[in-house]
Protein backbone atom coordinates (compact mmCIF):
# COMPACT_ATOMS: atom_id res chain seq x y z
CA MET A 1 -0.33 -0.23 0.13
CA LYS A 2 1.11 3.44 -1.07
CA MET A 3 1.82 6.01 1.74
CA LYS A 4 -1.43 7.83 2.84
CA LYS A 5 -1.47 11.04 0.44
CA CYS A 6 -1.76 14.62 1.69
CA TYR A 7 -3.54 16.56 -1.20
CA ASN A 8 -1.93 17.56 1.87
CA PHE A 9 16.52 62.80 -21.91
CA VAL A 10 14.26 60.75 -24.45
CA LEU A 11 14.22 58.28 -21.78
CA THR A 12 14.38 54.52 -22.65
CA PHE A 13 13.96 51.63 -20.43
CA PHE A 14 15.22 47.96 -20.90
CA CYS A 15 15.90 45.61 -17.94
CA VAL A 16 18.95 43.25 -18.54
CA GLY A 17 19.93 42.45 -15.20
CA THR A 18 19.19 39.88 -15.20
CA LEU A 19 6.11 48.82 -8.24
CA ALA A 20 2.27 49.88 -6.77
CA LEU A 21 4.52 50.15 -3.40
CA THR A 22 3.69 48.23 -0.27
CA PRO A 23 4.93 48.19 2.99
CA PHE A 24 6.01 44.46 3.85
CA PHE A 25 9.09 44.55 1.64
CA ALA A 26 12.71 44.46 3.09
CA THR A 27 14.85 47.51 2.81
CA SER A 28 17.00 45.85 0.63
CA GLN A 29 15.29 43.05 -1.33
CA SER A 30 12.18 41.08 -0.57
CA LEU A 31 12.04 38.45 2.00
CA SER A 32 9.80 35.50 2.85
CA GLY A 33 10.94 34.40 6.11
CA PHE A 34 7.36 33.76 7.77
CA GLU A 35 8.45 35.35 11.40
CA ASN A 36 5.60 37.37 10.83
CA LEU A 37 3.15 34.53 10.71
CA VAL A 38 1.51 33.57 14.08
CA LEU A 39 1.16 30.12 15.56
CA PRO A 40 1.42 28.68 18.79
CA ALA A 41 4.14 26.60 20.49
CA ASP A 42 4.59 23.35 18.03
CA SER A 43 2.00 23.95 16.03
CA PHE A 44 1.05 24.59 11.80
CA TRP A 45 -1.28 25.88 9.53
CA ASN A 46 -2.44 23.55 6.84
CA GLY A 47 -5.41 25.66 4.76
CA SER A 48 -7.82 24.32 7.24
CA ASP A 49 -9.52 27.71 7.30
CA LEU A 50 -9.98 27.12 3.53
CA SER A 51 -8.20 30.50 2.33
CA GLY A 52 -6.47 29.05 -0.42
CA GLY A 53 -2.91 30.02 0.81
CA PHE A 54 -1.29 32.23 2.50
CA GLN A 55 1.11 36.05 1.57
CA ASN A 56 4.22 36.07 2.70
CA GLY A 57 7.02 38.33 1.65
CA THR A 58 6.20 39.02 -2.39
CA GLY A 59 4.77 35.40 -2.56
CA PHE A 60 1.57 34.10 -2.28
CA PHE A 61 1.97 30.12 -1.61
CA VAL A 62 -1.15 28.35 -2.90
CA ASN A 63 -2.90 25.75 -0.81
CA HIS A 64 -5.75 23.35 -1.28
CA PHE A 65 -7.44 21.84 1.79
CA THR A 66 -10.18 19.48 1.36
CA ASP A 67 -12.47 18.21 4.16
CA TRP A 68 -13.96 14.87 2.78
CA GLY A 69 -16.60 14.50 5.83
CA GLY A 70 -16.38 12.03 9.29
CA GLY A 71 -13.06 13.55 10.55
CA TYR A 72 -10.93 12.75 7.18
CA THR A 73 -9.19 15.76 5.55
CA SER A 74 -5.99 16.33 3.20
CA TRP A 75 -3.92 19.11 2.13
CA ASP A 76 -1.44 20.10 -0.71
CA GLY A 77 0.95 23.02 -1.73
CA PHE A 78 2.17 24.92 1.05
CA ALA A 79 1.98 24.78 4.51
CA TYR A 80 3.73 26.66 7.54
CA SER A 81 5.18 25.26 10.77
CA ASN A 82 7.31 25.91 13.61
CA MET A 83 7.35 22.21 14.71
CA ASN A 84 10.59 20.74 15.21
CA ASP A 85 10.88 16.95 15.93
CA SER A 86 13.52 15.62 13.91
CA ILE A 87 13.55 12.47 15.19
CA THR A 88 10.13 11.09 15.17
CA SER A 89 9.50 9.04 12.04
CA GLY A 90 6.04 8.50 10.23
CA TYR A 91 3.37 10.74 8.51
CA MET A 92 1.91 11.74 11.47
CA ASN A 93 5.09 13.91 11.77
CA GLN A 94 4.77 15.38 8.36
CA TYR A 95 4.99 19.19 9.34
CA SER A 96 8.38 19.20 10.93
CA THR A 97 12.26 20.10 9.85
CA ILE A 98 14.92 17.36 10.03
CA ALA A 99 17.03 20.60 10.55
CA GLY A 100 15.66 21.11 13.77
CA SER A 101 14.63 24.91 13.25
CA GLY A 102 13.70 27.22 10.98
CA TYR A 103 16.67 28.97 8.56
CA ASN A 104 19.57 30.07 11.01
CA GLY A 105 17.45 29.00 14.00
CA SER A 106 14.28 31.03 12.87
CA GLN A 107 11.23 29.45 14.43
CA ASN A 108 8.86 29.52 11.33
CA PHE A 109 9.38 27.89 8.03
CA ALA A 110 6.86 26.65 4.70
CA VAL A 111 6.25 22.88 4.07
CA GLY A 112 5.41 21.76 0.71
CA TYR A 113 3.66 18.98 -0.29
CA CYS A 114 4.00 18.12 -3.83
CA TYR A 115 0.94 16.49 -5.50
CA PRO A 116 2.08 16.72 -7.97
CA THR A 117 3.21 20.24 -7.92
CA THR A 118 3.40 23.23 -5.41
CA LYS A 119 3.02 26.78 -6.25
CA ILE A 120 4.32 30.21 -5.57
CA ARG A 121 2.46 33.13 -7.29
CA ILE A 122 5.05 36.34 -7.20
CA LEU A 123 3.05 39.42 -5.82
CA GLN A 124 4.07 42.63 -7.80
CA ALA A 125 4.94 40.67 -10.76
CA SER A 126 4.85 43.22 -13.84
CA HIS A 127 7.99 44.57 -12.19
CA PRO A 128 11.41 43.19 -13.13
CA LYS A 129 13.36 41.23 -10.56
CA VAL A 130 15.91 39.51 -9.83
CA LEU A 131 14.96 35.53 -8.05
CA HIS A 132 18.16 35.58 -5.96
CA GLY A 133 17.46 32.10 -4.24
CA VAL A 134 15.75 30.45 -1.39
CA TYR A 135 16.97 27.76 1.45
CA VAL A 136 15.69 24.16 1.51
CA THR A 137 15.96 21.28 3.72
CA ASN A 138 14.04 17.82 4.21
CA ASN A 139 10.82 17.30 6.02
CA THR A 140 11.43 14.88 8.78
CA TYR A 141 9.18 12.59 7.92
CA SER A 142 11.04 11.97 4.12
CA ALA A 143 14.37 12.31 5.83
CA ILE A 144 13.88 9.42 8.27
CA SER A 145 11.65 7.19 5.29
CA MET A 146 15.02 7.75 2.90
CA ARG A 147 17.41 6.97 5.99
CA ASP A 148 15.49 3.92 7.44
CA GLY A 149 12.75 2.79 5.05
CA ASP A 150 9.21 2.10 6.17
CA ALA A 151 6.13 0.05 4.93
CA TYR A 152 5.78 2.30 1.84
CA SER A 153 9.22 3.42 1.13
CA LYS A 154 12.52 1.82 0.47
CA LYS A 155 15.88 2.37 2.77
CA PHE A 156 18.07 4.33 0.26
CA GLY A 157 20.95 2.24 -0.81
CA GLY A 158 19.70 -0.88 -0.39
CA SER A 159 20.57 -3.49 1.97
CA THR A 160 24.15 -2.58 0.62
CA GLY A 161 24.23 0.79 0.64
CA ASN A 162 25.20 0.44 -3.14
CA ASP A 163 21.45 1.38 -4.84
CA PRO A 164 22.31 4.35 -6.64
CA ASP A 165 19.27 6.27 -5.03
CA TRP A 166 18.51 9.82 -5.31
CA PHE A 167 15.58 12.28 -4.04
CA LYS A 168 15.11 15.36 -6.15
CA LEU A 169 13.77 19.11 -6.12
CA ASN A 170 12.58 20.49 -9.26
CA ILE A 171 12.14 24.14 -9.20
CA TRP A 172 10.61 25.95 -12.79
CA GLY A 173 10.28 29.27 -13.02
CA TYR A 174 7.25 31.28 -15.43
CA ALA A 175 6.69 34.32 -17.07
CA ASN A 176 2.94 34.62 -18.71
CA GLY A 177 2.73 31.03 -18.65
CA GLN A 178 5.92 30.05 -20.12
CA ALA A 179 8.89 28.20 -18.57
CA THR A 180 12.10 30.76 -18.17
CA ASP A 181 14.13 27.95 -16.68
CA THR A 182 14.43 25.24 -14.29
CA VAL A 183 16.51 24.88 -11.39
CA ASN A 184 17.50 20.99 -9.84
CA PHE A 185 18.38 20.43 -6.21
CA TYR A 186 19.14 17.10 -4.97
CA LEU A 187 17.83 16.87 -1.02
CA ALA A 188 19.52 13.23 -1.12
CA ASP A 189 22.16 11.77 -3.39
CA TYR A 190 23.24 7.99 -3.03
CA ARG A 191 24.88 7.68 -6.63
CA PHE A 192 28.60 8.03 -5.63
CA ALA A 193 31.04 5.37 -6.25
CA ASN A 194 32.26 5.78 -2.90
CA ASN A 195 29.60 5.48 -0.09
CA ASP A 196 31.02 7.66 2.31
CA SER A 197 30.12 10.53 0.04
CA ASP A 198 26.13 9.44 0.03
CA TYR A 199 23.59 12.13 1.78
CA ILE A 200 20.51 13.10 2.98
CA VAL A 201 20.02 17.18 3.26
CA LYS A 202 19.72 17.83 6.93
CA ASN A 203 20.81 21.48 7.11
CA TRP A 204 19.32 24.46 5.20
CA SER A 205 20.83 24.85 1.50
CA PHE A 206 20.95 27.62 -0.49
CA VAL A 207 19.79 27.22 -3.71
CA ASP A 208 20.50 30.02 -6.62
CA LEU A 209 17.28 30.79 -8.85
CA SER A 210 18.98 33.70 -10.79
CA SER A 211 18.85 31.78 -13.64
CA ILE A 212 15.13 31.87 -13.49
CA GLY A 213 14.94 35.30 -14.45
CA ASN A 214 11.91 37.81 -14.09
CA ALA A 215 9.34 34.99 -13.50
CA ASP A 216 5.72 35.98 -12.27
CA SER A 217 5.20 32.19 -10.56
CA LEU A 218 7.59 29.24 -9.14
CA GLU A 219 6.36 25.76 -9.37
CA PHE A 220 8.07 23.05 -7.48
CA SER A 221 7.98 19.28 -7.94
CA LEU A 222 9.76 16.28 -6.54
CA ALA A 223 11.16 13.32 -8.02
CA SER A 224 12.54 10.27 -6.70
CA SER A 225 14.59 6.85 -7.64
CA ASP A 226 12.06 4.79 -5.35
CA ASN A 227 8.87 4.39 -8.11
CA ASP A 228 7.01 1.89 -9.02
CA SER A 229 4.14 1.10 -11.50
CA VAL A 230 1.39 1.08 -9.53
CA TRP A 231 1.87 4.38 -6.96
CA GLY A 232 4.56 5.78 -8.83
CA MET A 233 6.77 7.61 -6.56
CA ARG A 234 7.30 6.28 -3.09
CA THR A 235 9.18 8.70 -1.07
CA PRO A 236 7.30 11.05 0.54
CA SER A 237 6.81 14.28 -1.27
CA TYR A 238 7.65 16.85 0.91
CA PHE A 239 10.17 19.49 1.43
CA CYS A 240 10.89 22.61 3.64
CA LEU A 241 11.42 26.37 2.44
CA ASP A 242 12.79 29.43 4.30
CA ASN A 243 13.80 32.54 3.30
CA LEU A 244 12.69 33.18 -0.44
CA LEU A 245 14.93 36.17 -1.13
CA ILE A 246 13.65 38.45 -4.62
CA ASP A 247 14.88 41.65 -5.56
CA PHE A 248 13.07 44.14 -7.48
CA LEU A 249 15.07 46.09 -9.96
CA PRO A 250 15.25 50.11 -10.30
CA GLU A 251 12.86 51.38 -12.61
CA ASN A 252 12.26 54.43 -14.73
CA GLU A 253 10.54 56.97 -12.25
CA THR A 254 10.06 60.14 -14.48
CA GLY A 255 8.44 59.18 -17.70
CA ASN A 256 10.25 62.08 -19.62
CA ASP A 257 11.26 61.55 -23.00
CA SER A 258 14.17 64.07 -23.40
CA ILE A 259 16.76 66.32 -21.91
CA PHE A 260 17.32 69.67 -23.83
CA LEU A 261 20.72 71.64 -22.77
CA ASN A 262 20.30 75.08 -23.48
CA HIS A 263 24.11 76.59 -22.20
CA CYS A 264 27.59 75.62 -22.27
CA GLY A 265 29.02 74.01 -19.10
CA ASP A 266 27.86 71.97 -16.15
CA PHE A 267 24.56 70.19 -15.28
CA ALA A 268 24.38 68.16 -12.59
CA PHE A 269 20.89 65.61 -12.24
CA ASN A 270 19.99 63.86 -8.83
CA LEU A 271 19.76 60.21 -10.24
CA ASP A 272 17.89 59.11 -7.22
CA THR A 273 14.93 61.59 -8.99
CA PHE A 274 15.21 59.23 -12.22
CA PHE A 275 14.59 56.33 -10.38
CA VAL A 276 12.45 53.86 -8.09
CA ASP A 277 13.03 50.57 -6.61
CA LEU A 278 10.15 48.45 -5.28
CA ASP A 279 12.45 46.87 -2.19
CA THR A 280 15.45 49.41 -2.03
CA PRO A 281 15.97 52.84 -0.84
CA ASP A 282 17.39 55.29 -2.58
CA SER A 283 20.22 55.79 -0.47
CA MET A 284 21.28 51.48 -1.42
CA LEU A 285 21.40 52.25 -5.39
CA THR A 286 24.70 52.65 -6.72
CA TYR A 287 24.87 54.01 -10.31
CA GLU A 288 27.63 54.01 -12.88
CA ILE A 289 28.02 55.09 -16.65
CA ILE A 290 28.44 52.20 -19.02
CA TYR A 291 28.15 54.08 -22.05
CA ASN A 292 28.65 57.67 -23.72
CA SER A 293 28.15 58.13 -27.54
CA ASN A 294 29.45 61.54 -27.82
CA GLN A 295 32.07 61.37 -24.85
CA PRO A 296 35.27 63.48 -26.69
CA PHE A 297 32.67 66.69 -26.45
CA ILE A 298 30.27 65.40 -23.58
CA ASN A 299 31.92 65.04 -20.61
CA ALA A 300 29.70 62.84 -18.14
CA TYR A 301 30.73 61.58 -14.88
CA ILE A 302 29.14 60.27 -11.42
CA ASN A 303 29.72 61.29 -8.03
CA GLU A 304 27.75 59.23 -5.81
CA ASN A 305 24.15 59.99 -6.59
CA ILE A 306 24.56 63.07 -9.00
CA LEU A 307 25.45 62.72 -13.01
CA ASN A 308 27.58 65.74 -13.99
CA VAL A 309 27.63 66.54 -17.57
CA PHE A 310 29.85 69.43 -18.96
CA VAL A 311 29.08 70.69 -22.58
CA GLY A 312 32.49 72.59 -23.25
CA CYS A 313 31.20 75.19 -25.93
CA LEU A 314 35.40 76.40 -26.91
CA THR A 315 33.92 78.38 -30.14
CA LYS A 316 32.52 82.14 -29.88
CA ASN A 317 29.19 82.60 -31.46
CA VAL A 318 28.71 79.51 -33.40
CA ASN A 319 26.04 77.22 -32.81
CA TRP A 320 26.90 74.02 -30.59
CA ILE A 321 24.46 70.99 -32.08
CA PHE A 322 24.53 67.71 -30.92
CA ASN A 323 23.08 64.56 -29.41
CA ASP A 324 24.41 62.15 -27.26
CA THR A 325 23.14 59.01 -25.28
CA ILE A 326 24.18 57.90 -22.05
CA VAL A 327 23.44 54.89 -20.56
CA ILE A 328 23.51 54.75 -16.72
CA ARG A 329 23.64 51.44 -14.70
CA ALA A 330 21.63 51.74 -11.50
CA HIS A 331 22.51 48.62 -9.18
CA SER A 332 20.19 47.13 -6.22
CA ALA A 333 20.83 44.46 -4.04
CA TYR A 334 21.13 41.52 -6.58
CA GLY A 335 20.59 43.28 -9.69
CA PHE A 336 20.76 46.22 -12.42
CA THR A 337 18.89 48.24 -14.85
CA ASP A 338 20.15 50.24 -17.57
CA ILE A 339 18.45 53.25 -18.79
CA GLU A 340 19.27 55.59 -21.75
CA TYR A 341 19.44 58.96 -21.56
CA HIS A 342 19.33 61.22 -25.05
CA PHE A 343 20.79 64.52 -24.62
CA SER A 344 20.15 67.25 -27.30
CA ALA A 345 21.70 70.78 -27.55
CA ASP A 346 21.29 73.69 -29.94
CA ILE A 347 23.21 76.47 -28.23
CA VAL A 348 25.39 79.28 -29.05
CA GLY A 349 29.40 79.02 -28.36
CA ASN A 350 30.07 81.70 -25.70
CA VAL A 351 33.61 81.19 -24.43
CA SER A 352 36.27 83.65 -25.24
CA LEU A 353 38.68 82.54 -27.76
CA ASN A 354 41.09 83.73 -26.09
CA LYS A 355 41.49 81.83 -22.99
CA LEU A 356 39.78 79.37 -21.22
CA ASN A 357 37.05 79.39 -18.94
CA LYS A 358 37.33 75.87 -17.69
CA ILE A 359 39.64 72.64 -18.69
CA ASN A 360 37.35 70.03 -19.87
CA PHE A 361 38.68 66.79 -19.19
CA PHE A 362 37.47 63.16 -18.18
CA PRO A 363 37.51 60.74 -16.92
CA ASN A 364 37.45 61.76 -13.23
CA PRO A 365 38.98 59.19 -11.39
CA VAL A 366 41.49 58.09 -14.03
CA VAL A 367 43.28 54.87 -14.29
CA GLU A 368 45.21 54.81 -17.32
CA TYR A 369 44.28 57.59 -19.90
CA LEU A 370 43.06 60.95 -19.19
CA GLN A 371 41.38 62.73 -22.24
CA ILE A 372 41.52 66.88 -22.59
CA ILE A 373 39.52 68.62 -25.05
CA THR A 374 40.36 72.38 -26.33
CA ASP A 375 39.84 74.34 -28.94
CA LYS A 376 43.40 75.25 -29.98
CA ASN A 377 47.10 74.34 -29.32
CA ILE A 378 47.35 74.93 -25.74
CA GLU A 379 50.15 74.27 -23.36
CA THR A 380 49.22 71.61 -20.67
CA LEU A 381 51.01 70.61 -17.17
CA ILE A 382 50.52 67.94 -14.67
CA TYR A 383 51.91 68.57 -11.13
CA ASP A 384 51.87 66.04 -8.17
CA ILE A 385 50.66 66.82 -4.80
CA SER A 386 54.08 68.03 -3.76
CA GLY A 387 54.11 70.54 -6.96
CA LYS A 388 56.73 68.57 -8.72
CA LYS A 389 55.54 68.54 -12.83
CA VAL A 390 54.88 65.11 -13.81
CA TRP A 391 53.99 65.65 -17.16
CA SER A 392 54.14 68.57 -19.69
CA GLY A 393 52.74 68.95 -23.41
CA ILE A 394 50.72 70.83 -26.01
CA ILE A 395 47.29 69.63 -26.23
CA ASN A 396 45.26 70.21 -29.81
CA HIS A 397 41.69 69.75 -29.66
CA SER A 398 41.41 66.38 -28.05
CA GLU A 399 44.38 64.44 -26.82
CA LYS A 400 44.51 61.22 -24.44
CA ILE A 401 47.46 61.24 -21.78
CA ASP A 402 48.92 57.93 -20.47
CA VAL A 403 48.82 58.73 -17.20
CA SER A 404 48.93 54.77 -15.78
CA TYR A 405 52.33 55.32 -14.37
CA LEU A 406 51.86 57.72 -12.10
CA ILE A 407 51.33 56.73 -8.49
CA PRO A 408 47.75 56.41 -7.23
CA GLY A 409 46.72 59.98 -5.28
CA MET A 410 45.54 63.52 -6.39
CA TYR A 411 46.91 65.69 -8.66
CA PHE A 412 46.66 69.23 -10.61
CA ILE A 413 46.32 69.87 -14.52
CA SER A 414 47.13 73.25 -15.54
CA CYS A 415 45.90 74.98 -19.08
CA GLN A 416 46.47 79.11 -19.45
CA GLY A 417 46.50 79.75 -15.76
CA ILE A 418 43.72 77.46 -14.82
CA VAL A 419 44.39 74.90 -12.71
CA SER A 420 41.80 71.96 -11.71
CA LYS A 421 42.58 68.61 -9.93
CA PHE A 422 41.99 64.98 -10.69
CA ILE A 423 42.33 62.05 -8.77
CA LYS A 424 44.76 58.68 -10.11
CA MET A 425 43.75 55.51 -9.18
């Protein structure tokens, strides 16, 4: 007989990493850790309230409960529990974890019963995200059944210990009904040539889900080497889950279609006003420039959360017309988003032909090459912090200077009496 079953700027957004804001999200990622679910000591919730599941973090954990009458009930999908009996065998201990607690000593965890699958629907599913990972371990009923065997299931390894048995958790990601990727994790594996390497997972183990991508649901199933033609899989179809980590990615907040620059000189843009992240505050986002289509003429760099753009119009009373695309990468906890900013300008240069009012150079800080832009042949000098001249030469319009040999630190660059500083990394 089989074991008893429990049915138990143009601003163009694109995400390459691979939000209706709600208050239950963590500060730097969305965590389903179950600690906010209230349970009496040594108890469980299995869907008997007929709610169809429960919400935790950014997931809705699907549950199916049936009351057959006469005191007979069944469930499948997800339950949650704080039962930690890692010793008692059998079906009556189906809500315990072999690890003896939730992940990292926490109280609560989820129990999955696959009949044939269990499912998590991801909330805020339309927003870009990275499914970072989840911690899993064996249910006590399943672990002891595999270790010792029982009336329904074989002892893994058989009487000699040489049988190549295994118990595997399969996790599918789905987006709009289409599978994205599958991740597999062995909850037990006896296929090794050396029996000393055989194992049944007894601790919480991290499963990387990042390859699944921007999914809107996760589906879980279990498979085993212990099967027969009548009952199918004979290993108890349970596992335990805790700390599902999902990181929502930065998104375009402004909706601006373009950025028009109407004068020469410096512009500063607070990137925190251009990006919004569902579960990461602005103070934890970091930014970098990964592309600048017109770099020799438009100097752009980021200082903390400020995008600095310098338009160096070096010709007097001549129209300065340009288009420039700058791509900013915004990093959250486990992923990033790239956003294109399209700058345009049609301005009249107003800088004197006889003297500069600013030295136009980039990048700053610099590692290997410092690009300097001028409108004519200009003598340029570089000094170290002590005032010692370390480089001099004539710059004609635009030239790269090799500074890779310089010792890291602060330096000064001088052109026509104008002095600016830069950092050598």
